C-alpha atoms as a PDB file:
ATOM      1  CA  MET A   1      49.635 -58.761   0.173  1.00  0.00           C
ATOM      2  CA  HIS A   2      47.845 -59.657   3.394  1.00  0.00           C
ATOM      3  CA  GLN A   3      46.715 -56.052   3.807  1.00  0.00           C
ATOM      4  CA  TRP A   4      45.395 -55.979   0.220  1.00  0.00           C
ATOM      5  CA  ASN A   5      43.544 -59.204   0.890  1.00  0.00           C
ATOM      6  CA  GLN A   6      42.059 -57.715   4.060  1.00  0.00           C
ATOM      7  CA  ASN A   7      41.002 -54.665   2.045  1.00  0.00           C
ATOM      8  CA  GLY A   8      38.928 -56.949  -0.185  1.00  0.00           C
ATOM      9  CA  TRP A   9      40.975 -56.201  -3.291  1.00  0.00           C
ATOM     10  CA  PHE A  10      41.450 -59.860  -4.259  1.00  0.00           C
ATOM     11  CA  ASP A  11      38.987 -62.351  -5.673  1.00  0.00           C
ATOM     12  CA  LYS A  12      37.529 -64.270  -2.736  1.00  0.00           C
ATOM     13  CA  ASP A  13      38.391 -67.530  -4.547  1.00  0.00           C
ATOM     14  CA  ILE A  14      41.996 -66.495  -5.257  1.00  0.00           C
ATOM     15  CA  LEU A  15      43.499 -69.681  -3.785  1.00  0.00           C
ATOM     16  CA  THR A  16      41.569 -71.918  -6.167  1.00  0.00           C
ATOM     17  CA  SER A  17      41.272 -69.679  -9.232  1.00  0.00           C
ATOM     18  CA  ASP A  18      43.337 -70.333 -12.363  1.00  0.00           C
ATOM     19  CA  ALA A  19      45.647 -67.966 -14.227  1.00  0.00           C
ATOM     20  CA  ASP A  20      42.896 -66.719 -16.583  1.00  0.00           C
ATOM     21  CA  GLN A  21      40.342 -65.989 -13.877  1.00  0.00           C
ATOM     22  CA  GLY A  22      41.352 -62.356 -13.427  1.00  0.00           C
ATOM     23  CA  LEU A  23      41.038 -61.583 -17.132  1.00  0.00           C
ATOM     24  CA  ASN A  24      37.745 -63.454 -17.368  1.00  0.00           C
ATOM     25  CA  MET A  25      36.401 -61.441 -14.426  1.00  0.00           C
ATOM     26  CA  ILE A  26      37.504 -58.179 -16.061  1.00  0.00           C
ATOM     27  CA  LYS A  27      35.749 -59.261 -19.248  1.00  0.00           C
ATOM     28  CA  ALA A  28      32.593 -59.947 -17.218  1.00  0.00           C
ATOM     29  CA  GLY A  29      32.823 -56.534 -15.537  1.00  0.00           C
ATOM     30  CA  LYS A  30      33.583 -58.037 -12.122  1.00  0.00           C
ATOM     31  CA  ALA A  31      37.222 -56.968 -11.713  1.00  0.00           C
ATOM     32  CA  PHE A  32      39.296 -53.912 -12.598  1.00  0.00           C
ATOM     33  CA  ALA A  33      42.939 -54.998 -12.666  1.00  0.00           C
ATOM     34  CA  VAL A  34      45.349 -57.923 -12.929  1.00  0.00           C
ATOM     35  CA  ALA A  35      49.119 -58.145 -12.521  1.00  0.00           C
ATOM     36  CA  GLN A  36      51.072 -58.975 -15.683  1.00  0.00           C
ATOM     37  CA  SER A  37      54.638 -59.012 -16.951  1.00  0.00           C
ATOM     38  CA  LEU A  38      54.708 -55.855 -19.041  1.00  0.00           C
ATOM     39  CA  LYS A  39      56.363 -54.549 -22.194  1.00  0.00           C
ATOM     40  CA  PRO A  40      55.568 -51.602 -24.475  1.00  0.00           C
ATOM     41  CA  GLY A  41      52.099 -52.043 -25.968  1.00  0.00           C
ATOM     42  CA  LYS A  42      51.061 -55.079 -23.876  1.00  0.00           C
ATOM     43  CA  ASP A  43      47.741 -53.369 -23.093  1.00  0.00           C
ATOM     44  CA  ARG A  44      46.969 -52.860 -26.791  1.00  0.00           C
ATOM     45  CA  GLU A  45      47.826 -56.490 -27.600  1.00  0.00           C
ATOM     46  CA  MET A  46      45.544 -57.752 -24.835  1.00  0.00           C
ATOM     47  CA  SER A  47      42.781 -55.365 -25.879  1.00  0.00           C
ATOM     48  CA  VAL A  48      42.773 -56.984 -29.336  1.00  0.00           C
ATOM     49  CA  SER A  49      42.725 -60.573 -28.086  1.00  0.00           C
ATOM     50  CA  LEU A  50      40.212 -59.979 -25.264  1.00  0.00           C
ATOM     51  CA  GLY A  51      37.944 -57.522 -27.016  1.00  0.00           C
ATOM     52  CA  ILE A  52      37.994 -55.046 -24.093  1.00  0.00           C
ATOM     53  CA  GLU A  53      39.976 -51.861 -23.551  1.00  0.00           C
ATOM     54  CA  LEU A  54      42.888 -52.224 -21.144  1.00  0.00           C
ATOM     55  CA  VAL A  55      45.485 -49.713 -19.963  1.00  0.00           C
ATOM     56  CA  GLN A  56      48.821 -50.744 -18.478  1.00  0.00           C
ATOM     57  CA  VAL A  57      50.586 -49.052 -15.574  1.00  0.00           C
ATOM     58  CA  GLU A  58      54.245 -49.899 -15.040  1.00  0.00           C
ATOM     59  CA  THR A  59      55.178 -50.280 -11.372  1.00  0.00           C
ATOM     60  CA  ALA A  60      58.828 -51.286 -11.848  1.00  0.00           C
ATOM     61  CA  GLU A  61      61.759 -50.687 -14.166  1.00  0.00           C
ATOM     62  CA  PRO A  62      62.538 -53.440 -16.715  1.00  0.00           C
ATOM     63  CA  PHE A  63      65.016 -56.053 -15.484  1.00  0.00           C
ATOM     64  CA  THR A  64      66.556 -58.872 -17.512  1.00  0.00           C
ATOM     65  CA  THR A  65      67.470 -62.270 -16.055  1.00  0.00           C
ATOM     66  CA  THR A  66      68.699 -65.513 -17.582  1.00  0.00           C
ATOM     67  CA  GLY A  67      65.160 -66.887 -17.304  1.00  0.00           C
ATOM     68  CA  ASP A  68      63.828 -63.988 -19.389  1.00  0.00           C
ATOM     69  CA  ALA A  69      66.374 -64.678 -22.123  1.00  0.00           C
ATOM     70  CA  GLN A  70      65.711 -68.426 -22.084  1.00  0.00           C
ATOM     71  CA  GLY A  71      61.984 -67.794 -22.371  1.00  0.00           C
ATOM     72  CA  ALA A  72      62.552 -66.382 -25.855  1.00  0.00           C
ATOM     73  CA  MET A  73      64.638 -69.302 -27.141  1.00  0.00           C
ATOM     74  CA  LEU A  74      63.612 -72.002 -29.602  1.00  0.00           C
ATOM     75  CA  GLY A  75      65.233 -75.417 -29.738  1.00  0.00           C
ATOM     76  CA  ILE A  76      65.273 -78.557 -31.854  1.00  0.00           C
ATOM     77  CA  SER A  77      64.440 -81.861 -30.210  1.00  0.00           C
ATOM     78  CA  ARG A  78      67.337 -84.303 -30.146  1.00  0.00           C
ATOM     79  CA  THR A  79      64.857 -86.920 -31.454  1.00  0.00           C
ATOM     80  CA  SER A  80      64.176 -84.814 -34.576  1.00  0.00           C
ATOM     81  CA  LYS A  81      64.387 -86.922 -37.741  1.00  0.00           C
ATOM     82  CA  ASP A  82      65.704 -83.987 -39.787  1.00  0.00           C
ATOM     83  CA  PRO A  83      67.301 -81.353 -37.544  1.00  0.00           C
ATOM     84  CA  ALA A  84      68.882 -79.546 -40.508  1.00  0.00           C
ATOM     85  CA  ARG A  85      65.491 -78.800 -42.074  1.00  0.00           C
ATOM     86  CA  ALA A  86      64.043 -77.936 -38.686  1.00  0.00           C
ATOM     87  CA  MET A  87      66.840 -75.377 -38.358  1.00  0.00           C
ATOM     88  CA  MET A  88      66.006 -74.036 -41.826  1.00  0.00           C
ATOM     89  CA  PHE A  89      62.418 -73.500 -40.705  1.00  0.00           C
ATOM     90  CA  LEU A  90      63.509 -71.716 -37.504  1.00  0.00           C
ATOM     91  CA  ASN A  91      65.746 -69.455 -39.616  1.00  0.00           C
ATOM     92  CA  LEU A  92      62.720 -68.571 -41.759  1.00  0.00           C
ATOM     93  CA  LEU A  93      60.798 -67.505 -38.651  1.00  0.00           C
ATOM     94  CA  TYR A  94      63.412 -64.823 -38.138  1.00  0.00           C
ATOM     95  CA  SER A  95      63.792 -63.746 -41.769  1.00  0.00           C
ATOM     96  CA  ASP A  96      60.491 -64.292 -43.639  1.00  0.00           C
ATOM     97  CA  PRO A  97      57.770 -61.779 -42.602  1.00  0.00           C
ATOM     98  CA  LYS A  98      55.131 -63.557 -44.710  1.00  0.00           C
ATOM     99  CA  LEU A  99      55.599 -66.878 -42.890  1.00  0.00           C
ATOM    100  CA  LEU A 100      55.795 -65.186 -39.496  1.00  0.00           C
ATOM    101  CA  ASN A 101      52.597 -63.185 -39.930  1.00  0.00           C
ATOM    102  CA  MET A 102      50.711 -66.189 -41.293  1.00  0.00           C
ATOM    103  CA  LEU A 103      51.561 -68.048 -38.077  1.00  0.00           C
ATOM    104  CA  ASP A 104      50.790 -64.969 -35.955  1.00  0.00           C
ATOM    105  CA  TRP A 105      47.488 -63.886 -37.465  1.00  0.00           C
ATOM    106  CA  GLY A 106      46.265 -66.453 -39.997  1.00  0.00           C
ATOM    107  CA  ILE A 107      45.296 -65.869 -43.643  1.00  0.00           C
ATOM    108  CA  GLU A 108      44.913 -62.363 -45.039  1.00  0.00           C
ATOM    109  CA  GLY A 109      41.331 -61.630 -46.088  1.00  0.00           C
ATOM    110  CA  LYS A 110      39.975 -64.465 -43.958  1.00  0.00           C
ATOM    111  CA  HIS A 111      41.340 -63.910 -40.461  1.00  0.00           C
ATOM    112  CA  TYR A 112      42.548 -60.330 -40.856  1.00  0.00           C
ATOM    113  CA  VAL A 113      42.618 -57.497 -43.385  1.00  0.00           C
ATOM    114  CA  LYS A 114      45.397 -55.021 -44.113  1.00  0.00           C
ATOM    115  CA  LYS A 115      44.660 -51.363 -43.459  1.00  0.00           C
ATOM    116  CA  PHE A 116      48.143 -50.180 -44.414  1.00  0.00           C
ATOM    117  CA  ASP A 117      51.437 -51.900 -45.244  1.00  0.00           C
ATOM    118  CA  ASN A 118      51.963 -53.411 -41.797  1.00  0.00           C
ATOM    119  CA  ILE A 119      48.730 -52.411 -40.027  1.00  0.00           C
ATOM    120  CA  ILE A 120      45.911 -54.966 -39.763  1.00  0.00           C
ATOM    121  CA  ASP A 121      42.403 -55.315 -38.331  1.00  0.00           C
ATOM    122  CA  TYR A 122      39.660 -57.916 -38.091  1.00  0.00           C
ATOM    123  CA  PRO A 123      37.564 -58.331 -41.259  1.00  0.00           C
ATOM    124  CA  GLU A 124      34.241 -56.503 -41.258  1.00  0.00           C
ATOM    125  CA  GLY A 125      31.752 -58.086 -38.873  1.00  0.00           C
ATOM    126  CA  MET A 126      34.443 -60.007 -36.967  1.00  0.00           C
ATOM    127  CA  ASN A 127      35.811 -59.233 -33.504  1.00  0.00           C
ATOM    128  CA  ALA A 128      37.831 -60.905 -30.727  1.00  0.00           C
ATOM    129  CA  ASP A 129      34.882 -63.122 -29.765  1.00  0.00           C
ATOM    130  CA  THR A 130      33.977 -64.226 -33.288  1.00  0.00           C
ATOM    131  CA  GLN A 131      37.429 -64.513 -34.896  1.00  0.00           C
ATOM    132  CA  THR A 132      38.228 -68.007 -36.144  1.00  0.00           C
ATOM    133  CA  TYR A 133      42.036 -68.066 -35.882  1.00  0.00           C
ATOM    134  CA  PRO A 134      43.352 -69.021 -32.417  1.00  0.00           C
ATOM    135  CA  ASN A 135      45.525 -65.949 -31.909  1.00  0.00           C
ATOM    136  CA  PRO A 136      48.561 -66.793 -29.757  1.00  0.00           C
ATOM    137  CA  GLY A 137      50.030 -63.324 -30.127  1.00  0.00           C
ATOM    138  CA  GLY A 138      53.029 -62.135 -32.130  1.00  0.00           C
ATOM    139  CA  TRP A 139      55.452 -62.696 -29.256  1.00  0.00           C
ATOM    140  CA  MET A 140      55.316 -66.457 -29.665  1.00  0.00           C
ATOM    141  CA  PHE A 141      57.252 -67.022 -32.889  1.00  0.00           C
ATOM    142  CA  GLY A 142      60.569 -65.834 -34.320  1.00  0.00           C
ATOM    143  CA  ASN A 143      61.371 -62.168 -34.840  1.00  0.00           C
ATOM    144  CA  GLN A 144      58.354 -60.242 -33.581  1.00  0.00           C
ATOM    145  CA  PHE A 145      59.827 -56.996 -34.987  1.00  0.00           C
ATOM    146  CA  ASN A 146      58.565 -58.358 -38.334  1.00  0.00           C
ATOM    147  CA  SER A 147      55.007 -58.794 -37.014  1.00  0.00           C
ATOM    148  CA  TYR A 148      52.149 -56.650 -38.282  1.00  0.00           C
ATOM    149  CA  LEU A 149      50.578 -54.181 -35.855  1.00  0.00           C
ATOM    150  CA  TRP A 150      46.853 -53.913 -35.139  1.00  0.00           C
ATOM    151  CA  VAL A 151      44.978 -50.682 -35.819  1.00  0.00           C
ATOM    152  CA  ASN A 152      44.713 -49.886 -32.102  1.00  0.00           C
ATOM    153  CA  GLU A 153      48.477 -50.203 -31.566  1.00  0.00           C
ATOM    154  CA  ASP A 154      51.117 -47.480 -31.482  1.00  0.00           C
ATOM    155  CA  PRO A 155      52.804 -47.277 -34.928  1.00  0.00           C
ATOM    156  CA  LYS A 156      56.099 -46.741 -33.064  1.00  0.00           C
ATOM    157  CA  LYS A 157      55.667 -49.839 -30.937  1.00  0.00           C
ATOM    158  CA  TRP A 158      58.774 -51.622 -32.205  1.00  0.00           C
ATOM    159  CA  GLU A 159      60.978 -48.527 -31.763  1.00  0.00           C
ATOM    160  CA  LYS A 160      59.721 -48.218 -28.179  1.00  0.00           C
ATOM    161  CA  PHE A 161      60.277 -51.939 -27.663  1.00  0.00           C
ATOM    162  CA  GLU A 162      63.907 -51.573 -28.736  1.00  0.00           C
ATOM    163  CA  GLU A 163      64.359 -48.675 -26.289  1.00  0.00           C
ATOM    164  CA  PHE A 164      62.696 -50.746 -23.550  1.00  0.00           C
ATOM    165  CA  ASN A 165      65.135 -53.625 -24.148  1.00  0.00           C
ATOM    166  CA  GLN A 166      68.115 -51.288 -24.136  1.00  0.00           C
ATOM    167  CA  ARG A 167      67.207 -49.537 -20.871  1.00  0.00           C
ATOM    168  CA  ALA A 168      66.506 -52.777 -18.991  1.00  0.00           C
ATOM    169  CA  GLU A 169      68.880 -53.366 -16.091  1.00  0.00           C
ATOM    170  CA  ARG A 170      70.705 -56.661 -16.565  1.00  0.00           C
ATOM    171  CA  SER A 171      71.212 -59.122 -13.744  1.00  0.00           C
ATOM    172  CA  ILE A 172      74.885 -59.545 -12.844  1.00  0.00           C
ATOM    173  CA  ALA A 173      74.205 -63.296 -13.194  1.00  0.00           C
ATOM    174  CA  LEU A 174      72.748 -62.939 -16.703  1.00  0.00           C
ATOM    175  CA  GLY A 175      73.859 -66.032 -18.624  1.00  0.00           C
ATOM    176  CA  PHE A 176      74.236 -68.266 -15.568  1.00  0.00           C
ATOM    177  CA  THR A 177      72.096 -71.410 -15.479  1.00  0.00           C
ATOM    178  CA  PHE A 178      72.014 -73.574 -12.368  1.00  0.00           C
ATOM    179  CA  ASN A 179      72.667 -77.292 -12.865  1.00  0.00           C
ATOM    180  CA  GLN A 180      70.224 -78.940 -10.455  1.00  0.00           C
ATOM    181  CA  GLU A 181      71.610 -82.465 -10.840  1.00  0.00           C
ATOM    182  CA  PRO A 182      73.807 -82.450  -7.665  1.00  0.00           C
ATOM    183  CA  VAL A 183      70.795 -81.461  -5.509  1.00  0.00           C
ATOM    184  CA  LYS A 184      67.980 -83.014  -7.528  1.00  0.00           C
ATOM    185  CA  SER A 185      66.231 -84.636  -4.547  1.00  0.00           C
ATOM    186  CA  GLU A 186      66.425 -81.445  -2.463  1.00  0.00           C
ATOM    187  CA  MET A 187      65.001 -79.423  -5.354  1.00  0.00           C
ATOM    188  CA  ALA A 188      62.057 -81.828  -5.553  1.00  0.00           C
ATOM    189  CA  SER A 189      61.459 -81.453  -1.802  1.00  0.00           C
ATOM    190  CA  LEU A 190      61.657 -77.663  -2.053  1.00  0.00           C
ATOM    191  CA  ALA A 191      59.165 -77.722  -4.941  1.00  0.00           C
ATOM    192  CA  ASN A 192      56.726 -79.521  -2.641  1.00  0.00           C
ATOM    193  CA  VAL A 193      57.234 -76.856   0.040  1.00  0.00           C
ATOM    194  CA  GLU A 194      56.581 -74.155  -2.558  1.00  0.00           C
ATOM    195  CA  LYS A 195      53.423 -75.977  -3.630  1.00  0.00           C
ATOM    196  CA  GLU A 196      52.242 -76.066  -0.021  1.00  0.00           C
ATOM    197  CA  PHE A 197      52.927 -72.429   0.869  1.00  0.00           C
ATOM    198  CA  GLY A 198      53.458 -70.420  -2.336  1.00  0.00           C
ATOM    199  CA  ALA A 199      49.886 -69.569  -3.289  1.00  0.00           C
ATOM    200  CA  THR A 200      48.886 -68.810   0.309  1.00  0.00           C
ATOM    201  CA  LEU A 201      51.822 -66.413   0.758  1.00  0.00           C
ATOM    202  CA  ARG A 202      51.324 -64.647  -2.579  1.00  0.00           C
ATOM    203  CA  SER A 203      47.590 -64.199  -2.058  1.00  0.00           C
ATOM    204  CA  GLY A 204      47.940 -62.803   1.462  1.00  0.00           C
ATOM    205  CA  ALA A 205      45.235 -65.228   2.530  1.00  0.00           C
ATOM    206  CA  VAL A 206      46.600 -65.660   6.075  1.00  0.00           C
ATOM    207  CA  GLU A 207      48.526 -63.686   8.708  1.00  0.00           C
ATOM    208  CA  PRO A 208      52.060 -63.591   7.202  1.00  0.00           C
ATOM    209  CA  GLU A 209      54.308 -63.835  10.273  1.00  0.00           C
ATOM    210  CA  LYS A 210      53.071 -67.249  11.384  1.00  0.00           C
ATOM    211  CA  ILE A 211      53.045 -68.870   7.969  1.00  0.00           C
ATOM    212  CA  ILE A 212      56.429 -67.423   6.956  1.00  0.00           C
ATOM    213  CA  ALA A 213      58.045 -68.939  10.053  1.00  0.00           C
ATOM    214  CA  LYS A 214      56.493 -72.325   9.257  1.00  0.00           C
ATOM    215  CA  TRP A 215      57.489 -72.006   5.570  1.00  0.00           C
ATOM    216  CA  LYS A 216      61.135 -71.296   6.466  1.00  0.00           C
ATOM    217  CA  GLU A 217      61.189 -74.207   8.882  1.00  0.00           C
ATOM    218  CA  LYS A 218      59.920 -76.649   6.252  1.00  0.00           C
ATOM    219  CA  ARG A 219      62.176 -75.155   3.614  1.00  0.00           C
ATOM    220  CA  GLN A 220      65.152 -75.680   5.908  1.00  0.00           C
ATOM    221  CA  ALA A 221      64.192 -79.312   6.509  1.00  0.00           C
ATOM    222  CA  ALA A 222      63.872 -79.848   2.741  1.00  0.00           C
ATOM    223  CA  GLY A 223      67.550 -78.987   2.206  1.00  0.00           C
ATOM    224  CA  PHE A 224      67.496 -75.273   1.408  1.00  0.00           C
ATOM    225  CA  ASP A 225      71.005 -74.622   2.787  1.00  0.00           C
ATOM    226  CA  LYS A 226      72.500 -77.430   0.702  1.00  0.00           C
ATOM    227  CA  VAL A 227      70.878 -76.051  -2.463  1.00  0.00           C
ATOM    228  CA  ARG A 228      72.001 -72.512  -1.679  1.00  0.00           C
ATOM    229  CA  ALA A 229      75.587 -73.697  -1.125  1.00  0.00           C
ATOM    230  CA  GLU A 230      75.539 -75.523  -4.473  1.00  0.00           C
ATOM    231  CA  VAL A 231      74.181 -72.433  -6.236  1.00  0.00           C
ATOM    232  CA  ASP A 232      76.900 -70.278  -4.648  1.00  0.00           C
ATOM    233  CA  LYS A 233      79.574 -72.766  -5.707  1.00  0.00           C
ATOM    234  CA  GLN A 234      78.420 -72.953  -9.316  1.00  0.00           C
ATOM    235  CA  LEU A 235      77.907 -69.202  -9.531  1.00  0.00           C
ATOM    236  CA  ALA A 236      81.429 -68.522  -8.238  1.00  0.00           C
ATOM    237  CA  GLU A 237      82.883 -70.907 -10.836  1.00  0.00           C
ATOM    238  CA  TRP A 238      80.832 -69.280 -13.598  1.00  0.00           C
ATOM    239  CA  ALA A 239      81.803 -65.754 -12.486  1.00  0.00           C
ATOM    240  CA  GLN A 240      85.526 -66.546 -12.726  1.00  0.00           C
ATOM    241  CA  ASN A 241      85.193 -66.716 -16.507  1.00  0.00           C
ATOM    242  CA  LYS A 242      83.166 -63.506 -16.828  1.00  0.00           C
END
């Protein structure tokens, strides 16, 4: 990362830029690439929402962790006044294509038009910059295999997505979730260390050897060994039942 930074491949304001800066710079013609978590057809999805042509290049094989699985979960608040009906609505997100696509893309004829049965496009005269429905993307709700595809997308996207999921290597700790309660204060201290050093390390903004040594020293003082021992303990207990 430091070498890339020295090569001038990063935005000069990388330490202070936000998550959308790279995409905004690409849109403005001032950058050529950003790093993203990928899946089949991610480039086509982003091309629709950004209004510019993007092409994805995979640099690693798919890998599934507990965090990935949890990122796709929906839950009902324990303060919900009617959890049964909330559950009914969540069930509909996975079974009712009409509801799902209304949430995904808006109202047919107003926010999108159908080109074929499950292929859609912007209405005439509308594009990514002028569309009036805040498009979060089909990945956000329920069963995305029921989502319509845009005209620029591969008609076999969902078949390829299924293959992608099946060929993903699964972490041997898939399903394990760490209970932070026994080391809550140490985790808070480690989060502060990460806040201090994380962005600098990832951006390659400084000579790595010196800062890594200082990072490890502070991490150690924040209770890293205690946290690691607790993780090992919980993981061993979890693994006994697997």
